[in-house]
Amino acid sequence: METVAKTTTKWVLDPTHSELTFKVRHMMITNVKGEFKNFSVVVDGDDILKSSLNVSIDGSSINTNNNDRDNHLKSADFFDVENHKELLFKSTSFKQKDDDEYELKGILTIKGNSKEVALEVEFGGINKDPWGNEKAGFSVEGKINRKDWGLNWNAALETGGVLVSEEVKISGEMQFVKQV
């Protein structure tokens, strides 16, 4: 009797075609954008649309194109990267809403605080690149209140209001490569 080894399919994040960004209202009049340069996503399962995922974000990779602001965001006032090196997300459900629209729920952990979040996901599809690699693409959007994770720092404005909004808009573009 011959034993056949089961081949496990794995989807690996393509970091050169993926990004994780955020936007926060500044002085109540404009948005400041930023991104995390280093993050990983592990897809656990053969079918990318039915698999759980774990996201690990390197907090020290935050980039807003301003070194002073980046250093402040890395400090204990915000992400406290000296004591909490990673931001984590672990999916709990992925449900189809219509053709290409999904809702992704999961537990987001920042500074040791964990809360459930819901994110809107658009499935871009699966396609082969010119070199024969099978790729899947997703766009992700959502909003969180930063104070829910202990990111409380702020400053009052002389004219009323605050320097930094509580609402943070999250967005991501993720491309995965199928591995066999």
C-alpha atoms as a PDB file:
ATOM      1  CA  MET A   1       0.000   0.000   0.000  1.00  0.00           C
ATOM      2  CA  GLU A   2       1.363   3.383  -1.033  1.00  0.00           C
ATOM      3  CA  THR A   3       1.182   6.419   1.272  1.00  0.00           C
ATOM      4  CA  VAL A   4       0.377   9.702  -0.425  1.00  0.00           C
ATOM      5  CA  ALA A   5       1.639  12.829   1.315  1.00  0.00           C
ATOM      6  CA  LYS A   6      -1.006  15.530   1.620  1.00  0.00           C
ATOM      7  CA  THR A   7       0.057  18.811   0.080  1.00  0.00           C
ATOM      8  CA  THR A   8      -0.902  21.818   2.149  1.00  0.00           C
ATOM      9  CA  THR A   9      -1.596  25.054   0.355  1.00  0.00           C
ATOM     10  CA  LYS A  10      -0.290  28.173   2.023  1.00  0.00           C
ATOM     11  CA  TRP A  11      -0.980  31.816   1.202  1.00  0.00           C
ATOM     12  CA  VAL A  12       1.935  34.152   1.945  1.00  0.00           C
ATOM     13  CA  LEU A  13       1.701  37.945   2.149  1.00  0.00           C
ATOM     14  CA  ASP A  14       3.462  39.742  -0.710  1.00  0.00           C
ATOM     15  CA  PRO A  15       4.928  42.738   1.183  1.00  0.00           C
ATOM     16  CA  THR A  16       5.957  44.565  -2.005  1.00  0.00           C
ATOM     17  CA  HIS A  17       2.290  44.779  -3.042  1.00  0.00           C
ATOM     18  CA  SER A  18       0.729  45.305   0.392  1.00  0.00           C
ATOM     19  CA  GLU A  19       0.295  48.277   2.713  1.00  0.00           C
ATOM     20  CA  LEU A  20      -1.288  49.085   6.055  1.00  0.00           C
ATOM     21  CA  THR A  21      -2.193  52.733   6.576  1.00  0.00           C
ATOM     22  CA  PHE A  22      -4.189  54.937   8.935  1.00  0.00           C
ATOM     23  CA  LYS A  23      -5.637  58.443   9.048  1.00  0.00           C
ATOM     24  CA  VAL A  24      -6.364  60.641  12.054  1.00  0.00           C
ATOM     25  CA  ARG A  25      -7.997  64.083  12.133  1.00  0.00           C
ATOM     26  CA  HIS A  26      -5.490  66.751  13.259  1.00  0.00           C
ATOM     27  CA  MET A  27      -6.601  70.042  14.835  1.00  0.00           C
ATOM     28  CA  MET A  28     -10.123  69.160  13.695  1.00  0.00           C
ATOM     29  CA  ILE A  29      -9.359  70.532  10.213  1.00  0.00           C
ATOM     30  CA  THR A  30      -7.176  68.053   8.285  1.00  0.00           C
ATOM     31  CA  ASN A  31      -6.151  64.404   8.254  1.00  0.00           C
ATOM     32  CA  VAL A  32      -2.665  63.133   9.041  1.00  0.00           C
ATOM     33  CA  LYS A  33      -1.732  59.876   7.326  1.00  0.00           C
ATOM     34  CA  GLY A  34       0.654  57.219   8.443  1.00  0.00           C
ATOM     35  CA  GLU A  35       1.609  53.651   7.761  1.00  0.00           C
ATOM     36  CA  PHE A  36       3.226  50.648   9.358  1.00  0.00           C
ATOM     37  CA  LYS A  37       6.148  49.606   7.171  1.00  0.00           C
ATOM     38  CA  ASN A  38       6.605  46.123   8.684  1.00  0.00           C
ATOM     39  CA  PHE A  39       3.764  43.696   9.228  1.00  0.00           C
ATOM     40  CA  SER A  40       3.011  40.069   8.524  1.00  0.00           C
ATOM     41  CA  VAL A  41      -0.158  38.112   7.889  1.00  0.00           C
ATOM     42  CA  VAL A  42      -0.400  34.360   8.396  1.00  0.00           C
ATOM     43  CA  VAL A  43      -3.318  32.646   6.644  1.00  0.00           C
ATOM     44  CA  ASP A  44      -4.272  29.372   8.313  1.00  0.00           C
ATOM     45  CA  GLY A  45      -6.023  27.155   5.743  1.00  0.00           C
ATOM     46  CA  ASP A  46      -6.108  26.091   2.112  1.00  0.00           C
ATOM     47  CA  ASP A  47      -9.063  28.254   1.008  1.00  0.00           C
ATOM     48  CA  ILE A  48      -8.109  31.888   1.530  1.00  0.00           C
ATOM     49  CA  LEU A  49     -11.793  32.896   1.765  1.00  0.00           C
ATOM     50  CA  LYS A  50     -12.481  30.385   4.542  1.00  0.00           C
ATOM     51  CA  SER A  51      -9.248  30.661   6.499  1.00  0.00           C
ATOM     52  CA  SER A  52      -8.443  32.367   9.742  1.00  0.00           C
ATOM     53  CA  LEU A  53      -5.668  34.894   9.812  1.00  0.00           C
ATOM     54  CA  ASN A  54      -3.235  36.406  12.261  1.00  0.00           C
ATOM     55  CA  VAL A  55      -1.681  39.814  11.719  1.00  0.00           C
ATOM     56  CA  SER A  56       1.436  41.024  13.520  1.00  0.00           C
ATOM     57  CA  ILE A  57       2.446  44.680  13.145  1.00  0.00           C
ATOM     58  CA  ASP A  58       5.842  46.003  14.204  1.00  0.00           C
ATOM     59  CA  GLY A  59       4.924  49.121  16.205  1.00  0.00           C
ATOM     60  CA  SER A  60       8.374  50.633  15.728  1.00  0.00           C
ATOM     61  CA  SER A  61       7.844  50.641  11.942  1.00  0.00           C
ATOM     62  CA  ILE A  62       5.297  53.469  12.159  1.00  0.00           C
ATOM     63  CA  ASN A  63       5.956  56.204   9.596  1.00  0.00           C
ATOM     64  CA  THR A  64       4.094  59.510   9.253  1.00  0.00           C
ATOM     65  CA  ASN A  65       6.920  61.307   7.371  1.00  0.00           C
ATOM     66  CA  ASN A  66       7.760  63.275  10.529  1.00  0.00           C
ATOM     67  CA  ASN A  67      10.444  61.884  12.878  1.00  0.00           C
ATOM     68  CA  ASP A  68       9.273  63.875  15.920  1.00  0.00           C
ATOM     69  CA  ARG A  69       5.690  62.671  15.484  1.00  0.00           C
ATOM     70  CA  ASP A  70       6.836  59.095  14.818  1.00  0.00           C
ATOM     71  CA  ASN A  71       8.918  59.125  18.017  1.00  0.00           C
ATOM     72  CA  HIS A  72       5.963  60.505  19.984  1.00  0.00           C
ATOM     73  CA  LEU A  73       3.711  57.758  18.582  1.00  0.00           C
ATOM     74  CA  LYS A  74       6.296  55.135  19.629  1.00  0.00           C
ATOM     75  CA  SER A  75       6.401  56.569  23.175  1.00  0.00           C
ATOM     76  CA  ALA A  76       4.292  55.543  26.192  1.00  0.00           C
ATOM     77  CA  ASP A  77       1.793  58.308  25.256  1.00  0.00           C
ATOM     78  CA  PHE A  78       0.687  56.118  22.360  1.00  0.00           C
ATOM     79  CA  PHE A  79       1.991  52.666  21.293  1.00  0.00           C
ATOM     80  CA  ASP A  80       4.715  52.287  23.961  1.00  0.00           C
ATOM     81  CA  VAL A  81       6.836  50.163  21.610  1.00  0.00           C
ATOM     82  CA  GLU A  82       9.513  49.673  24.255  1.00  0.00           C
ATOM     83  CA  ASN A  83       7.058  47.517  26.251  1.00  0.00           C
ATOM     84  CA  HIS A  84       4.625  46.480  23.492  1.00  0.00           C
ATOM     85  CA  LYS A  85       6.587  45.739  20.333  1.00  0.00           C
ATOM     86  CA  GLU A  86       3.650  44.395  18.310  1.00  0.00           C
ATOM     87  CA  LEU A  87       0.071  45.229  17.529  1.00  0.00           C
ATOM     88  CA  LEU A  88      -1.866  42.020  16.900  1.00  0.00           C
ATOM     89  CA  PHE A  89      -5.061  41.063  15.097  1.00  0.00           C
ATOM     90  CA  LYS A  90      -6.590  37.574  15.179  1.00  0.00           C
ATOM     91  CA  SER A  91      -9.656  36.927  13.038  1.00  0.00           C
ATOM     92  CA  THR A  92     -12.773  35.425  14.584  1.00  0.00           C
ATOM     93  CA  SER A  93     -15.107  35.472  11.550  1.00  0.00           C
ATOM     94  CA  PHE A  94     -15.136  36.317   7.841  1.00  0.00           C
ATOM     95  CA  LYS A  95     -18.629  36.582   6.361  1.00  0.00           C
ATOM     96  CA  GLN A  96     -19.688  37.360   2.832  1.00  0.00           C
ATOM     97  CA  LYS A  97     -22.128  40.285   2.553  1.00  0.00           C
ATOM     98  CA  ASP A  98     -22.521  40.273  -1.252  1.00  0.00           C
ATOM     99  CA  ASP A  99     -20.490  39.314  -4.342  1.00  0.00           C
ATOM    100  CA  ASP A 100     -17.100  40.752  -3.390  1.00  0.00           C
ATOM    101  CA  GLU A 101     -17.884  42.401  -0.029  1.00  0.00           C
ATOM    102  CA  TYR A 102     -17.099  40.738   3.301  1.00  0.00           C
ATOM    103  CA  GLU A 103     -17.062  41.599   6.976  1.00  0.00           C
ATOM    104  CA  LEU A 104     -13.969  40.554   8.900  1.00  0.00           C
ATOM    105  CA  LYS A 105     -14.238  40.454  12.681  1.00  0.00           C
ATOM    106  CA  GLY A 106     -11.387  39.851  15.027  1.00  0.00           C
ATOM    107  CA  ILE A 107      -9.575  40.756  18.203  1.00  0.00           C
ATOM    108  CA  LEU A 108      -7.207  43.727  17.928  1.00  0.00           C
ATOM    109  CA  THR A 109      -4.573  43.990  20.664  1.00  0.00           C
ATOM    110  CA  ILE A 110      -2.713  47.256  21.235  1.00  0.00           C
ATOM    111  CA  LYS A 111      -0.621  47.939  24.365  1.00  0.00           C
ATOM    112  CA  GLY A 112      -1.965  44.768  25.964  1.00  0.00           C
ATOM    113  CA  ASN A 113      -5.595  45.867  25.494  1.00  0.00           C
ATOM    114  CA  SER A 114      -7.759  43.550  23.377  1.00  0.00           C
ATOM    115  CA  LYS A 115     -11.091  44.489  21.788  1.00  0.00           C
ATOM    116  CA  GLU A 116     -13.196  43.123  18.961  1.00  0.00           C
ATOM    117  CA  VAL A 117     -13.272  45.142  15.743  1.00  0.00           C
ATOM    118  CA  ALA A 118     -15.233  44.765  12.508  1.00  0.00           C
ATOM    119  CA  LEU A 119     -13.591  45.626   9.198  1.00  0.00           C
ATOM    120  CA  GLU A 120     -15.056  45.914   5.715  1.00  0.00           C
ATOM    121  CA  VAL A 121     -13.206  43.803   3.150  1.00  0.00           C
ATOM    122  CA  GLU A 122     -13.405  43.905  -0.619  1.00  0.00           C
ATOM    123  CA  PHE A 123     -12.145  40.736  -2.283  1.00  0.00           C
ATOM    124  CA  GLY A 124     -10.321  41.786  -5.449  1.00  0.00           C
ATOM    125  CA  GLY A 125     -10.128  38.255  -6.802  1.00  0.00           C
ATOM    126  CA  ILE A 126      -7.534  35.645  -7.629  1.00  0.00           C
ATOM    127  CA  ASN A 127      -5.334  35.937 -10.690  1.00  0.00           C
ATOM    128  CA  LYS A 128      -2.022  34.706 -12.086  1.00  0.00           C
ATOM    129  CA  ASP A 129       0.857  37.104 -12.571  1.00  0.00           C
ATOM    130  CA  PRO A 130       3.069  36.951 -15.728  1.00  0.00           C
ATOM    131  CA  TRP A 131       5.393  34.442 -13.972  1.00  0.00           C
ATOM    132  CA  GLY A 132       2.584  31.967 -13.202  1.00  0.00           C
ATOM    133  CA  ASN A 133       2.176  32.812  -9.509  1.00  0.00           C
ATOM    134  CA  GLU A 134      -1.400  32.647  -8.233  1.00  0.00           C
ATOM    135  CA  LYS A 135      -2.259  35.774  -6.230  1.00  0.00           C
ATOM    136  CA  ALA A 136      -5.256  36.947  -4.211  1.00  0.00           C
ATOM    137  CA  GLY A 137      -6.026  40.572  -3.402  1.00  0.00           C
ATOM    138  CA  PHE A 138      -8.019  42.270  -0.657  1.00  0.00           C
ATOM    139  CA  SER A 139      -8.805  45.865   0.344  1.00  0.00           C
ATOM    140  CA  VAL A 140      -9.608  46.435   4.026  1.00  0.00           C
ATOM    141  CA  GLU A 141     -11.201  49.463   5.725  1.00  0.00           C
ATOM    142  CA  GLY A 142     -12.444  50.228   9.189  1.00  0.00           C
ATOM    143  CA  LYS A 143     -12.567  52.687  12.068  1.00  0.00           C
ATOM    144  CA  ILE A 144     -11.590  52.392  15.689  1.00  0.00           C
ATOM    145  CA  ASN A 145     -11.645  54.701  18.700  1.00  0.00           C
ATOM    146  CA  ARG A 146      -8.013  54.882  19.835  1.00  0.00           C
ATOM    147  CA  LYS A 147      -9.041  55.473  23.465  1.00  0.00           C
ATOM    148  CA  ASP A 148     -10.506  51.939  23.570  1.00  0.00           C
ATOM    149  CA  TRP A 149      -6.879  50.717  23.493  1.00  0.00           C
ATOM    150  CA  GLY A 150      -5.448  53.201  25.989  1.00  0.00           C
ATOM    151  CA  LEU A 151      -4.121  55.656  23.389  1.00  0.00           C
ATOM    152  CA  ASN A 152      -5.404  58.631  25.382  1.00  0.00           C
ATOM    153  CA  TRP A 153      -2.875  61.434  24.868  1.00  0.00           C
ATOM    154  CA  ASN A 154      -4.298  64.695  23.543  1.00  0.00           C
ATOM    155  CA  ALA A 155      -4.008  68.458  23.834  1.00  0.00           C
ATOM    156  CA  ALA A 156      -6.801  71.041  23.982  1.00  0.00           C
ATOM    157  CA  LEU A 157      -6.847  73.743  21.332  1.00  0.00           C
ATOM    158  CA  GLU A 158      -7.107  77.389  22.314  1.00  0.00           C
ATOM    159  CA  THR A 159     -10.121  77.797  20.024  1.00  0.00           C
ATOM    160  CA  GLY A 160     -11.859  74.684  21.376  1.00  0.00           C
ATOM    161  CA  GLY A 161     -11.611  71.102  20.332  1.00  0.00           C
ATOM    162  CA  VAL A 162      -8.582  68.821  20.508  1.00  0.00           C
ATOM    163  CA  LEU A 163      -5.340  68.310  18.637  1.00  0.00           C
ATOM    164  CA  VAL A 164      -5.925  64.646  17.705  1.00  0.00           C
ATOM    165  CA  SER A 165      -9.285  62.975  17.038  1.00  0.00           C
ATOM    166  CA  GLU A 166     -10.280  59.807  18.853  1.00  0.00           C
ATOM    167  CA  GLU A 167     -11.385  58.132  15.607  1.00  0.00           C
ATOM    168  CA  VAL A 168      -8.706  56.393  13.561  1.00  0.00           C
ATOM    169  CA  LYS A 169      -9.467  55.237  10.029  1.00  0.00           C
ATOM    170  CA  ILE A 170      -7.640  52.056   9.066  1.00  0.00           C
ATOM    171  CA  SER A 171      -7.037  50.883   5.540  1.00  0.00           C
ATOM    172  CA  GLY A 172      -5.017  48.158   3.945  1.00  0.00           C
ATOM    173  CA  GLU A 173      -4.194  46.639   0.606  1.00  0.00           C
ATOM    174  CA  MET A 174      -3.119  43.021   0.876  1.00  0.00           C
ATOM    175  CA  GLN A 175      -1.835  40.736  -1.836  1.00  0.00           C
ATOM    176  CA  PHE A 176      -1.094  37.074  -1.143  1.00  0.00           C
ATOM    177  CA  VAL A 177       0.884  34.526  -3.136  1.00  0.00           C
ATOM    178  CA  LYS A 178      -0.244  30.885  -3.194  1.00  0.00           C
ATOM    179  CA  GLN A 179       2.467  28.448  -2.122  1.00  0.00           C
ATOM    180  CA  VAL A 180       2.239  24.658  -2.478  1.00  0.00           C
END
